Amino acid sequence: LEEQRAAVASTCVLRASVIIAYACLPTVAKNVFNAKQCESFRLDDELGETQSYLRADWRIECGSAEYEALQPLFWAGFLLWPVGVPLCFLSLLLAARRCIVSRRQSRLPEGAPL
Protein backbone atom coordinates (compact mmCIF):
# COMPACT_ATOMS: atom_id res chain seq x y z
CA LEU A 1 0.00 0.00 0.00
CA GLU A 2 2.88 2.35 0.85
CA GLU A 3 4.55 1.65 -2.51
CA GLN A 4 1.29 2.37 -4.31
CA ARG A 5 0.96 5.75 -2.54
CA ALA A 6 4.54 6.60 -3.40
CA ALA A 7 3.89 5.71 -7.06
CA VAL A 8 0.78 7.90 -7.18
CA ALA A 9 2.67 10.77 -5.52
CA SER A 10 5.54 10.41 -8.01
CA THR A 11 3.10 10.48 -10.89
CA CYS A 12 1.41 13.62 -9.59
CA VAL A 13 4.71 15.38 -8.95
CA LEU A 14 6.07 14.48 -12.38
CA ARG A 15 2.91 15.62 -14.17
CA ALA A 16 2.76 18.88 -12.21
CA SER A 17 6.46 19.54 -12.87
CA VAL A 18 6.07 19.00 -16.60
CA ILE A 19 2.98 21.24 -16.79
CA ILE A 20 4.63 24.02 -14.78
CA ALA A 21 7.88 23.86 -16.78
CA TYR A 22 5.94 23.83 -20.06
CA ALA A 23 3.81 26.80 -19.02
CA CYS A 24 6.79 28.82 -17.78
CA LEU A 25 9.17 28.00 -20.64
CA PRO A 26 8.23 30.84 -23.06
CA THR A 27 8.22 33.59 -20.42
CA VAL A 28 11.43 32.48 -18.74
CA ALA A 29 13.16 31.98 -22.10
CA LYS A 30 12.15 35.49 -23.19
CA ASN A 31 13.59 36.95 -20.00
CA VAL A 32 16.79 34.95 -20.46
CA PHE A 33 17.21 36.31 -24.00
CA ASN A 34 16.48 39.86 -22.81
CA ALA A 35 19.55 39.51 -20.58
CA LYS A 36 21.66 39.42 -23.75
CA GLN A 37 19.83 41.83 -26.06
CA CYS A 38 20.65 45.49 -26.20
CA GLU A 39 18.71 48.35 -27.71
CA SER A 40 20.36 51.44 -29.17
CA PHE A 41 19.14 54.99 -28.70
CA ARG A 42 20.34 58.03 -30.59
CA LEU A 43 21.94 60.65 -28.40
CA ASP A 44 22.74 63.14 -31.15
CA ASP A 45 21.20 63.04 -34.61
CA GLU A 46 23.80 65.34 -36.11
CA LEU A 47 26.82 63.39 -34.88
CA GLY A 48 25.09 60.01 -35.08
CA GLU A 49 26.01 59.13 -31.51
CA THR A 50 24.14 56.23 -30.01
CA GLN A 51 24.04 54.50 -26.65
CA SER A 52 22.93 50.90 -26.07
CA TYR A 53 21.18 49.60 -22.99
CA LEU A 54 20.25 46.13 -21.85
CA ARG A 55 16.59 45.27 -22.48
CA ALA A 56 16.27 43.35 -19.21
CA ASP A 57 17.50 46.36 -17.18
CA TRP A 58 17.62 49.77 -18.84
CA ARG A 59 20.11 51.02 -16.21
CA ILE A 60 22.84 48.75 -17.59
CA GLU A 61 24.86 50.08 -20.50
CA CYS A 62 25.83 47.42 -23.03
CA GLY A 63 29.54 46.84 -23.19
CA SER A 64 30.05 48.04 -19.62
CA ALA A 65 31.70 45.96 -16.91
CA GLU A 66 28.30 45.35 -15.33
CA TYR A 67 26.97 44.03 -18.64
CA GLU A 68 29.97 41.74 -19.07
CA ALA A 69 29.52 40.44 -15.51
CA LEU A 70 25.99 39.32 -16.45
CA GLN A 71 27.10 37.20 -19.40
CA PRO A 72 27.91 34.02 -17.40
CA LEU A 73 24.46 34.31 -15.81
CA PHE A 74 22.92 34.57 -19.28
CA TRP A 75 24.69 31.43 -20.48
CA ALA A 76 23.69 29.49 -17.37
CA GLY A 77 20.07 30.55 -17.81
CA PHE A 78 20.23 29.78 -21.52
CA LEU A 79 21.51 26.26 -20.93
CA LEU A 80 19.04 25.64 -18.12
CA TRP A 81 15.77 26.87 -19.68
CA PRO A 82 15.64 27.31 -23.48
CA VAL A 83 17.92 24.28 -23.99
CA GLY A 84 17.63 22.17 -20.83
CA VAL A 85 13.86 22.06 -20.37
CA PRO A 86 13.10 20.89 -23.93
CA LEU A 87 15.87 18.29 -23.60
CA CYS A 88 14.22 17.03 -20.40
CA PHE A 89 10.90 16.80 -22.25
CA LEU A 90 12.61 14.89 -25.05
CA SER A 91 14.22 12.47 -22.60
CA LEU A 92 10.84 11.81 -20.95
CA LEU A 93 9.23 11.19 -24.32
CA LEU A 94 12.03 8.87 -25.40
CA ALA A 95 11.81 6.95 -22.12
CA ALA A 96 8.06 6.48 -22.64
CA ARG A 97 8.25 5.96 -26.41
CA ARG A 98 7.18 2.30 -26.41
CA CYS A 99 4.19 3.03 -24.21
CA ILE A 100 3.21 6.01 -26.37
CA VAL A 101 3.40 4.01 -29.61
CA SER A 102 1.47 1.06 -28.15
CA ARG A 103 -0.96 3.41 -26.36
CA ARG A 104 -0.31 1.86 -22.94
CA GLN A 105 0.02 3.58 -19.59
CA SER A 106 3.67 4.35 -18.91
CA ARG A 107 5.20 3.22 -15.61
CA LEU A 108 7.87 5.93 -15.97
CA PRO A 109 6.85 7.99 -12.89
CA GLU A 110 7.17 4.96 -10.62
CA GLY A 111 10.86 4.63 -11.47
CA ALA A 112 11.63 8.32 -11.73
CA PRO A 113 13.93 9.53 -8.99
CA LEU A 114 12.21 12.63 -7.62
Foldseek 3Di string as FASTA:
>chain_A
DVLVVQLVVLVVVVVVVLVVLVVCQVVLLVLLVLLVDWDWDAPDPVVRDIWIARRNDRVHTPPDPVSVVCVVVSVVSCCVGPNNSVVVVVVVCVVCVVCVVVVHDDSVSSPDDD
